PDB file of all heavy atoms in Angstrom:
ATOM      1  N   GLU A   1       0.840  -1.162  -0.006  1.00  0.00           N
ATOM      2  CA  GLU A   1       0.008   0.007  -0.008  1.00  0.00           C
ATOM      3  C   GLU A   1       0.880   1.221  -0.016  1.00  0.00           C
ATOM      4  O   GLU A   1       1.041   1.899   0.983  1.00  0.00           O
ATOM      5  CB  GLU A   1      -0.918   0.008   1.241  1.00  0.00           C
ATOM      6  CG  GLU A   1      -1.858  -1.197   1.331  1.00  0.00           C
ATOM      7  CD  GLU A   1      -2.889  -1.158   0.197  1.00  0.00           C
ATOM      8  OE1 GLU A   1      -3.017  -0.191  -0.525  1.00  0.00           O
ATOM      9  OE2 GLU A   1      -3.594  -2.227   0.043  1.00  0.00           O
ATOM     10  N   ALA A   2       1.448   1.568  -1.183  1.00  0.00           N
ATOM     11  CA  ALA A   2       2.306   2.725  -1.267  1.00  0.00           C
ATOM     12  C   ALA A   2       1.567   3.982  -1.572  1.00  0.00           C
ATOM     13  O   ALA A   2       2.154   5.018  -1.734  1.00  0.00           O
ATOM     14  CB  ALA A   2       3.401   2.516  -2.282  1.00  0.00           C
ATOM     15  N   VAL A   3       0.266   3.927  -1.726  1.00  0.00           N
ATOM     16  CA  VAL A   3      -0.578   5.070  -2.037  1.00  0.00           C
ATOM     17  C   VAL A   3      -0.631   5.947  -0.748  1.00  0.00           C
ATOM     18  O   VAL A   3      -0.792   5.402   0.379  1.00  0.00           O
ATOM     19  CB  VAL A   3      -1.979   4.665  -2.456  1.00  0.00           C
ATOM     20  CG1 VAL A   3      -2.804   5.914  -2.840  1.00  0.00           C
ATOM     21  CG2 VAL A   3      -1.844   3.767  -3.687  1.00  0.00           C
ATOM     22  N   TRP A   4      -0.631   7.213  -0.896  1.00  0.00           N
ATOM     23  CA  TRP A   4      -0.420   8.086   0.235  1.00  0.00           C
ATOM     24  C   TRP A   4      -1.560   7.984   1.317  1.00  0.00           C
ATOM     25  O   TRP A   4      -1.280   7.957   2.480  1.00  0.00           O
ATOM     26  CB  TRP A   4      -0.359   9.531  -0.223  1.00  0.00           C
ATOM     27  CG  TRP A   4      -1.555  10.102  -0.855  1.00  0.00           C
ATOM     28  CD1 TRP A   4      -1.908  10.065  -2.186  1.00  0.00           C
ATOM     29  CD2 TRP A   4      -2.658  10.818  -0.207  1.00  0.00           C
ATOM     30  NE1 TRP A   4      -3.098  10.683  -2.404  1.00  0.00           N
ATOM     31  CE2 TRP A   4      -3.586  11.138  -1.200  1.00  0.00           C
ATOM     32  CE3 TRP A   4      -2.877  11.200   1.102  1.00  0.00           C
ATOM     33  CZ2 TRP A   4      -4.786  11.863  -0.917  1.00  0.00           C
ATOM     34  CZ3 TRP A   4      -4.066  11.868   1.387  1.00  0.00           C
ATOM     35  CH2 TRP A   4      -4.984  12.194   0.400  1.00  0.00           C
ATOM     36  N   PHE A   5      -2.784   7.853   0.887  1.00  0.00           N
ATOM     37  CA  PHE A   5      -3.896   7.790   1.869  1.00  0.00           C
ATOM     38  C   PHE A   5      -3.980   6.397   2.500  1.00  0.00           C
ATOM     39  O   PHE A   5      -4.551   6.215   3.549  1.00  0.00           O
ATOM     40  CB  PHE A   5      -5.206   8.250   1.288  1.00  0.00           C
ATOM     41  CG  PHE A   5      -5.632   7.506   0.057  1.00  0.00           C
ATOM     42  CD1 PHE A   5      -6.426   6.354   0.180  1.00  0.00           C
ATOM     43  CD2 PHE A   5      -5.331   7.933  -1.203  1.00  0.00           C
ATOM     44  CE1 PHE A   5      -6.834   5.615  -0.895  1.00  0.00           C
ATOM     45  CE2 PHE A   5      -5.766   7.269  -2.291  1.00  0.00           C
ATOM     46  CZ  PHE A   5      -6.502   6.112  -2.173  1.00  0.00           C
ATOM     47  N   LYS A   6      -3.505   5.362   1.761  1.00  0.00           N
ATOM     48  CA  LYS A   6      -3.566   4.027   2.359  1.00  0.00           C
ATOM     49  C   LYS A   6      -2.453   3.737   3.291  1.00  0.00           C
ATOM     50  O   LYS A   6      -2.519   2.821   4.140  1.00  0.00           O
ATOM     51  CB  LYS A   6      -3.544   3.015   1.202  1.00  0.00           C
ATOM     52  CG  LYS A   6      -4.742   3.063   0.321  1.00  0.00           C
ATOM     53  CD  LYS A   6      -4.730   2.025  -0.801  1.00  0.00           C
ATOM     54  CE  LYS A   6      -5.946   2.105  -1.667  1.00  0.00           C
ATOM     55  NZ  LYS A   6      -5.960   1.083  -2.767  1.00  0.00           N
ATOM     56  N   THR A   7      -1.402   4.515   3.232  1.00  0.00           N
ATOM     57  CA  THR A   7      -0.292   4.366   4.198  1.00  0.00           C
ATOM     58  C   THR A   7      -0.789   4.728   5.586  1.00  0.00           C
ATOM     59  O   THR A   7      -0.456   4.031   6.589  1.00  0.00           O
ATOM     60  CB  THR A   7       0.931   5.307   3.819  1.00  0.00           C
ATOM     61  OG1 THR A   7       1.363   4.926   2.520  1.00  0.00           O
ATOM     62  CG2 THR A   7       2.068   5.162   4.820  1.00  0.00           C
ATOM     63  N   GLY A   8      -1.569   5.798   5.717  1.00  0.00           N
ATOM     64  CA  GLY A   8      -2.065   6.144   7.006  1.00  0.00           C
ATOM     65  C   GLY A   8      -3.049   5.108   7.520  1.00  0.00           C
ATOM     66  O   GLY A   8      -3.132   4.846   8.747  1.00  0.00           O
ATOM     67  N   ALA A   9      -3.820   4.466   6.576  1.00  0.00           N
ATOM     68  CA  ALA A   9      -4.728   3.426   7.010  1.00  0.00           C
ATOM     69  C   ALA A   9      -3.969   2.197   7.598  1.00  0.00           C
ATOM     70  O   ALA A   9      -4.484   1.614   8.538  1.00  0.00           O
ATOM     71  CB  ALA A   9      -5.597   3.002   5.804  1.00  0.00           C
ATOM     72  N   LEU A  10      -2.821   1.899   7.067  1.00  0.00           N
ATOM     73  CA  LEU A  10      -2.010   0.806   7.628  1.00  0.00           C
ATOM     74  C   LEU A  10      -1.606   1.109   9.039  1.00  0.00           C
ATOM     75  O   LEU A  10      -1.706   0.208   9.903  1.00  0.00           O
ATOM     76  CB  LEU A  10      -0.723   0.620   6.765  1.00  0.00           C
ATOM     77  CG  LEU A  10      -0.928  -0.122   5.429  1.00  0.00           C
ATOM     78  CD1 LEU A  10       0.398  -0.085   4.641  1.00  0.00           C
ATOM     79  CD2 LEU A  10      -1.430  -1.561   5.614  1.00  0.00           C
ATOM     80  N   LEU A  11      -1.194   2.330   9.317  1.00  0.00           N
ATOM     81  CA  LEU A  11      -0.796   2.682  10.675  1.00  0.00           C
ATOM     82  C   LEU A  11      -2.003   2.618  11.645  1.00  0.00           C
ATOM     83  O   LEU A  11      -1.896   2.214  12.748  1.00  0.00           O
ATOM     84  CB  LEU A  11      -0.150   4.043  10.707  1.00  0.00           C
ATOM     85  CG  LEU A  11       1.185   4.164   9.958  1.00  0.00           C
ATOM     86  CD1 LEU A  11       1.690   5.600   9.999  1.00  0.00           C
ATOM     87  CD2 LEU A  11       2.229   3.213  10.571  1.00  0.00           C
ATOM     88  N   LEU A  12      -3.195   3.075  11.112  1.00  0.00           N
ATOM     89  CA  LEU A  12      -4.357   3.021  11.950  1.00  0.00           C
ATOM     90  C   LEU A  12      -4.772   1.585  12.294  1.00  0.00           C
ATOM     91  O   LEU A  12      -5.356   1.352  13.368  1.00  0.00           O
ATOM     92  CB  LEU A  12      -5.512   3.783  11.252  1.00  0.00           C
ATOM     93  CG  LEU A  12      -5.407   5.299  11.167  1.00  0.00           C
ATOM     94  CD1 LEU A  12      -6.489   5.907  10.348  1.00  0.00           C
ATOM     95  CD2 LEU A  12      -5.378   5.933  12.543  1.00  0.00           C
ATOM     96  N   ASP A  13      -4.514   0.724  11.406  1.00  0.00           N
ATOM     97  CA  ASP A  13      -4.819  -0.732  11.615  1.00  0.00           C
ATOM     98  C   ASP A  13      -3.781  -1.434  12.452  1.00  0.00           C
ATOM     99  O   ASP A  13      -3.873  -2.690  12.671  1.00  0.00           O
ATOM    100  CB  ASP A  13      -4.962  -1.458  10.290  1.00  0.00           C
ATOM    101  CG  ASP A  13      -6.227  -0.968   9.544  1.00  0.00           C
ATOM    102  OD1 ASP A  13      -7.136  -0.400  10.156  1.00  0.00           O
ATOM    103  OD2 ASP A  13      -6.220  -1.127   8.281  1.00  0.00           O
ATOM    104  N   GLY A  14      -2.789  -0.739  12.966  1.00  0.00           N
ATOM    105  CA  GLY A  14      -1.742  -1.345  13.821  1.00  0.00           C
ATOM    106  C   GLY A  14      -0.581  -1.972  13.027  1.00  0.00           C
ATOM    107  O   GLY A  14       0.244  -2.622  13.672  1.00  0.00           O
ATOM    108  N   ASN A  15      -0.517  -1.767  11.734  1.00  0.00           N
ATOM    109  CA  ASN A  15       0.604  -2.305  10.988  1.00  0.00           C
ATOM    110  C   ASN A  15       1.766  -1.367  10.874  1.00  0.00           C
ATOM    111  O   ASN A  15       1.706  -0.220  11.384  1.00  0.00           O
ATOM    112  CB  ASN A  15       0.135  -2.619   9.514  1.00  0.00           C
ATOM    113  CG  ASN A  15      -0.985  -3.679   9.479  1.00  0.00           C
ATOM    114  OD1 ASN A  15      -0.963  -4.689  10.247  1.00  0.00           O
ATOM    115  ND2 ASN A  15      -2.041  -3.399   8.737  1.00  0.00           N
ATOM    116  N   THR A  16       2.885  -1.831  10.365  1.00  0.00           N
ATOM    117  CA  THR A  16       4.055  -0.980  10.172  1.00  0.00           C
ATOM    118  C   THR A  16       4.352  -0.795   8.693  1.00  0.00           C
ATOM    119  O   THR A  16       3.620  -1.465   7.875  1.00  0.00           O
ATOM    120  CB  THR A  16       5.319  -1.638  10.835  1.00  0.00           C
ATOM    121  OG1 THR A  16       5.444  -2.967  10.319  1.00  0.00           O
ATOM    122  CG2 THR A  16       5.122  -1.730  12.359  1.00  0.00           C
ATOM    123  N   LEU A  17       5.275   0.042   8.378  1.00  0.00           N
ATOM    124  CA  LEU A  17       5.561   0.351   6.992  1.00  0.00           C
ATOM    125  C   LEU A  17       6.710  -0.468   6.441  1.00  0.00           C
ATOM    126  O   LEU A  17       7.503  -1.070   7.185  1.00  0.00           O
ATOM    127  CB  LEU A  17       5.918   1.824   6.856  1.00  0.00           C
ATOM    128  CG  LEU A  17       4.911   2.846   7.378  1.00  0.00           C
ATOM    129  CD1 LEU A  17       5.412   4.258   7.244  1.00  0.00           C
ATOM    130  CD2 LEU A  17       3.577   2.675   6.683  1.00  0.00           C
ATOM    131  N   SER A  18       6.740  -0.605   5.118  1.00  0.00           N
ATOM    132  CA  SER A  18       7.786  -1.373   4.460  1.00  0.00           C
ATOM    133  C   SER A  18       8.193  -0.605   3.195  1.00  0.00           C
ATOM    134  O   SER A  18       7.436  -0.240   2.359  1.00  0.00           O
ATOM    135  CB  SER A  18       7.288  -2.745   4.041  1.00  0.00           C
ATOM    136  OG  SER A  18       8.261  -3.461   3.278  1.00  0.00           O
ATOM    137  N   TYR A  19       9.516  -0.353   3.139  1.00  0.00           N
ATOM    138  CA  TYR A  19      10.086   0.370   1.969  1.00  0.00           C
ATOM    139  C   TYR A  19      11.296  -0.388   1.439  1.00  0.00           C
ATOM    140  O   TYR A  19      12.196  -0.811   2.242  1.00  0.00           O
ATOM    141  CB  TYR A  19      10.486   1.783   2.344  1.00  0.00           C
ATOM    142  CG  TYR A  19       9.313   2.740   2.411  1.00  0.00           C
ATOM    143  CD1 TYR A  19       8.759   3.075   3.667  1.00  0.00           C
ATOM    144  CD2 TYR A  19       8.815   3.351   1.236  1.00  0.00           C
ATOM    145  CE1 TYR A  19       7.675   3.945   3.694  1.00  0.00           C
ATOM    146  CE2 TYR A  19       7.717   4.202   1.348  1.00  0.00           C
ATOM    147  CZ  TYR A  19       7.158   4.504   2.534  1.00  0.00           C
ATOM    148  OH  TYR A  19       6.088   5.322   2.610  1.00  0.00           O
ATOM    149  N   PHE A  20      11.329  -0.610   0.140  1.00  0.00           N
ATOM    150  CA  PHE A  20      12.377  -1.349  -0.534  1.00  0.00           C
ATOM    151  C   PHE A  20      12.630  -2.759   0.107  1.00  0.00           C
ATOM    152  O   PHE A  20      13.755  -3.190   0.245  1.00  0.00           O
ATOM    153  CB  PHE A  20      13.670  -0.524  -0.509  1.00  0.00           C
ATOM    154  CG  PHE A  20      13.505   0.827  -1.172  1.00  0.00           C
ATOM    155  CD1 PHE A  20      13.364   1.963  -0.400  1.00  0.00           C
ATOM    156  CD2 PHE A  20      13.499   0.916  -2.548  1.00  0.00           C
ATOM    157  CE1 PHE A  20      13.206   3.183  -1.020  1.00  0.00           C
ATOM    158  CE2 PHE A  20      13.323   2.182  -3.131  1.00  0.00           C
ATOM    159  CZ  PHE A  20      13.208   3.285  -2.414  1.00  0.00           C
ATOM    160  N   GLY A  21      11.559  -3.368   0.515  1.00  0.00           N
ATOM    161  CA  GLY A  21      11.649  -4.697   1.109  1.00  0.00           C
ATOM    162  C   GLY A  21      12.103  -4.715   2.554  1.00  0.00           C
ATOM    163  O   GLY A  21      12.209  -5.826   3.105  1.00  0.00           O
ATOM    164  N   LYS A  22      12.301  -3.582   3.164  1.00  0.00           N
ATOM    165  CA  LYS A  22      12.756  -3.526   4.529  1.00  0.00           C
ATOM    166  C   LYS A  22      11.626  -3.052   5.430  1.00  0.00           C
ATOM    167  O   LYS A  22      10.976  -2.011   5.124  1.00  0.00           O
ATOM    168  CB  LYS A  22      13.971  -2.586   4.716  1.00  0.00           C
ATOM    169  CG  LYS A  22      15.161  -2.945   3.830  1.00  0.00           C
ATOM    170  CD  LYS A  22      15.760  -4.271   4.275  1.00  0.00           C
ATOM    171  CE  LYS A  22      17.011  -4.586   3.400  1.00  0.00           C
ATOM    172  NZ  LYS A  22      17.684  -5.854   3.821  1.00  0.00           N
ATOM    173  N   ASN A  23      11.353  -3.799   6.468  1.00  0.00           N
ATOM    174  CA  ASN A  23      10.351  -3.354   7.433  1.00  0.00           C
ATOM    175  C   ASN A  23      10.796  -2.183   8.308  1.00  0.00           C
ATOM    176  O   ASN A  23      11.890  -2.187   8.795  1.00  0.00           O
ATOM    177  CB  ASN A  23       9.950  -4.502   8.337  1.00  0.00           C
ATOM    178  CG  ASN A  23       8.760  -4.155   9.233  1.00  0.00           C
ATOM    179  OD1 ASN A  23       7.757  -3.670   8.760  1.00  0.00           O
ATOM    180  ND2 ASN A  23       8.911  -4.414  10.530  1.00  0.00           N
ATOM    181  N   ILE A  24       9.967  -1.152   8.384  1.00  0.00           N
ATOM    182  CA  ILE A  24      10.306   0.032   9.204  1.00  0.00           C
ATOM    183  C   ILE A  24       9.398   0.009  10.470  1.00  0.00           C
ATOM    184  O   ILE A  24       8.209   0.115  10.378  1.00  0.00           O
ATOM    185  CB  ILE A  24      10.058   1.311   8.398  1.00  0.00           C
ATOM    186  CG1 ILE A  24      10.921   1.318   7.119  1.00  0.00           C
ATOM    187  CG2 ILE A  24      10.363   2.536   9.277  1.00  0.00           C
ATOM    188  CD1 ILE A  24      10.695   2.513   6.284  1.00  0.00           C
ATOM    189  N   PRO A  25       9.998  -0.226  11.614  1.00  0.00           N
ATOM    190  CA  PRO A  25       9.193  -0.377  12.825  1.00  0.00           C
ATOM    191  C   PRO A  25       8.624   0.948  13.364  1.00  0.00           C
ATOM    192  O   PRO A  25       8.964   1.438  14.417  1.00  0.00           O
ATOM    193  CB  PRO A  25      10.183  -0.983  13.823  1.00  0.00           C
ATOM    194  CG  PRO A  25      11.519  -0.447  13.369  1.00  0.00           C
ATOM    195  CD  PRO A  25      11.435  -0.364  11.906  1.00  0.00           C
ATOM    196  N   ILE A  26       7.734   1.521  12.562  1.00  0.00           N
ATOM    197  CA  ILE A  26       7.073   2.756  13.009  1.00  0.00           C
ATOM    198  C   ILE A  26       5.581   2.504  13.097  1.00  0.00           C
ATOM    199  O   ILE A  26       4.930   2.142  12.090  1.00  0.00           O
ATOM    200  CB  ILE A  26       7.353   3.884  11.988  1.00  0.00           C
ATOM    201  CG1 ILE A  26       8.813   4.201  11.961  1.00  0.00           C
ATOM    202  CG2 ILE A  26       6.564   5.155  12.331  1.00  0.00           C
ATOM    203  CD1 ILE A  26       9.202   5.287  10.918  1.00  0.00           C
ATOM    204  N   ASN A  27       5.053   2.601  14.278  1.00  0.00           N
ATOM    205  CA  ASN A  27       3.602   2.479  14.405  1.00  0.00           C
ATOM    206  C   ASN A  27       2.903   3.820  14.546  1.00  0.00           C
ATOM    207  O   ASN A  27       3.616   4.853  14.411  1.00  0.00           O
ATOM    208  CB  ASN A  27       3.295   1.592  15.649  1.00  0.00           C
ATOM    209  CG  ASN A  27       3.938   2.146  16.925  1.00  0.00           C
ATOM    210  OD1 ASN A  27       4.197   3.333  17.035  1.00  0.00           O
ATOM    211  ND2 ASN A  27       4.208   1.256  17.873  1.00  0.00           N
ATOM    212  N   LEU A  28       1.651   3.866  14.753  1.00  0.00           N
ATOM    213  CA  LEU A  28       0.923   5.144  14.777  1.00  0.00           C
ATOM    214  C   LEU A  28       1.401   6.086  15.885  1.00  0.00           C
ATOM    215  O   LEU A  28       1.570   7.262  15.678  1.00  0.00           O
ATOM    216  CB  LEU A  28      -0.548   4.828  14.884  1.00  0.00           C
ATOM    217  CG  LEU A  28      -1.487   6.064  14.875  1.00  0.00           C
ATOM    218  CD1 LEU A  28      -1.367   6.819  13.566  1.00  0.00           C
ATOM    219  CD2 LEU A  28      -2.915   5.674  15.098  1.00  0.00           C
ATOM    220  N   VAL A  29       1.596   5.500  17.080  1.00  0.00           N
ATOM    221  CA  VAL A  29       2.012   6.323  18.242  1.00  0.00           C
ATOM    222  C   VAL A  29       3.378   6.986  17.974  1.00  0.00           C
ATOM    223  O   VAL A  29       3.605   8.204  18.178  1.00  0.00           O
ATOM    224  CB  VAL A  29       2.060   5.523  19.512  1.00  0.00           C
ATOM    225  CG1 VAL A  29       2.579   6.308  20.675  1.00  0.00           C
ATOM    226  CG2 VAL A  29       0.623   4.965  19.828  1.00  0.00           C
ATOM    227  N   LEU A  30       4.320   6.207  17.474  1.00  0.00           N
ATOM    228  CA  LEU A  30       5.643   6.700  17.212  1.00  0.00           C
ATOM    229  C   LEU A  30       5.589   7.755  16.117  1.00  0.00           C
ATOM    230  O   LEU A  30       6.318   8.811  16.159  1.00  0.00           O
ATOM    231  CB  LEU A  30       6.571   5.596  16.803  1.00  0.00           C
ATOM    232  CG  LEU A  30       8.062   5.969  16.606  1.00  0.00           C
ATOM    233  CD1 LEU A  30       8.637   6.624  17.863  1.00  0.00           C
ATOM    234  CD2 LEU A  30       8.894   4.746  16.229  1.00  0.00           C
ATOM    235  N   ALA A  31       4.786   7.572  15.136  1.00  0.00           N
ATOM    236  CA  ALA A  31       4.664   8.546  13.996  1.00  0.00           C
ATOM    237  C   ALA A  31       4.087   9.851  14.530  1.00  0.00           C
ATOM    238  O   ALA A  31       4.587  10.935  14.145  1.00  0.00           O
ATOM    239  CB  ALA A  31       3.760   7.957  12.924  1.00  0.00           C
ATOM    240  N   VAL A  32       3.095   9.816  15.390  1.00  0.00           N
ATOM    241  CA  VAL A  32       2.504  11.007  15.899  1.00  0.00           C
ATOM    242  C   VAL A  32       3.502  11.781  16.802  1.00  0.00           C
ATOM    243  O   VAL A  32       3.635  12.982  16.728  1.00  0.00           O
ATOM    244  CB  VAL A  32       1.206  10.696  16.724  1.00  0.00           C
ATOM    245  CG1 VAL A  32       0.709  11.929  17.468  1.00  0.00           C
ATOM    246  CG2 VAL A  32       0.144  10.168  15.771  1.00  0.00           C
ATOM    247  N   VAL A  33       4.204  11.041  17.661  1.00  0.00           N
ATOM    248  CA  VAL A  33       5.214  11.635  18.527  1.00  0.00           C
ATOM    249  C   VAL A  33       6.289  12.326  17.722  1.00  0.00           C
ATOM    250  O   VAL A  33       6.742  13.419  18.011  1.00  0.00           O
ATOM    251  CB  VAL A  33       5.812  10.623  19.524  1.00  0.00           C
ATOM    252  CG1 VAL A  33       6.996  11.210  20.294  1.00  0.00           C
ATOM    253  CG2 VAL A  33       4.703  10.138  20.491  1.00  0.00           C
ATOM    254  N   ALA A  34       6.745  11.644  16.660  1.00  0.00           N
ATOM    255  CA  ALA A  34       7.825  12.160  15.835  1.00  0.00           C
ATOM    256  C   ALA A  34       7.324  13.475  15.138  1.00  0.00           C
ATOM    257  O   ALA A  34       8.123  14.448  15.067  1.00  0.00           O
ATOM    258  CB  ALA A  34       8.234  11.095  14.783  1.00  0.00           C
ATOM    259  N   GLU A  35       6.082  13.482  14.646  1.00  0.00           N
ATOM    260  CA  GLU A  35       5.613  14.673  14.008  1.00  0.00           C
ATOM    261  C   GLU A  35       5.456  15.817  15.027  1.00  0.00           C
ATOM    262  O   GLU A  35       5.804  16.961  14.640  1.00  0.00           O
ATOM    263  CB  GLU A  35       4.248  14.363  13.384  1.00  0.00           C
ATOM    264  CG  GLU A  35       4.339  13.490  12.135  1.00  0.00           C
ATOM    265  CD  GLU A  35       2.965  13.319  11.458  1.00  0.00           C
ATOM    266  OE1 GLU A  35       2.028  13.984  11.890  1.00  0.00           O
ATOM    267  OE2 GLU A  35       2.904  12.544  10.492  1.00  0.00           O
TER     268      GLU A  35
END
């Protein structure tokens, strides 16, 4: 789900992100705190 609005949906569902085959351990709480 590399589409911009679906990336946020992944975090809302409790999932993490993946770029270039590497898992990025960023959940919703960490993303909000970082912002």
